Amino acid sequence: MTANVIAIDRKMRRVTLQGPERAITVKVPKDINLKNVRVGDQVQVTYVEEFGLSVEPGSKKK
């Protein structure tokens, strides 16, 4: 996705990106150079999101 950089925390290596649907904060791997990244830049990112779900039986109805 193409996103706009809206915040950078260089010490923690976190970048907040505004995508087409919402803003997300991501941890940037050490092999990515943040030196030239600035707030307002447009970047191309690959972002994968996952979640877990647990289904358990409910109480019996009387």
Foldseek 3Di string as FASTA:
>chain_A
DKWFFADADVVQQWTWTQDPPGIDIDRDDPVDDCPPPDGGDIDDDDDDDDDDDDDDDDDDDD
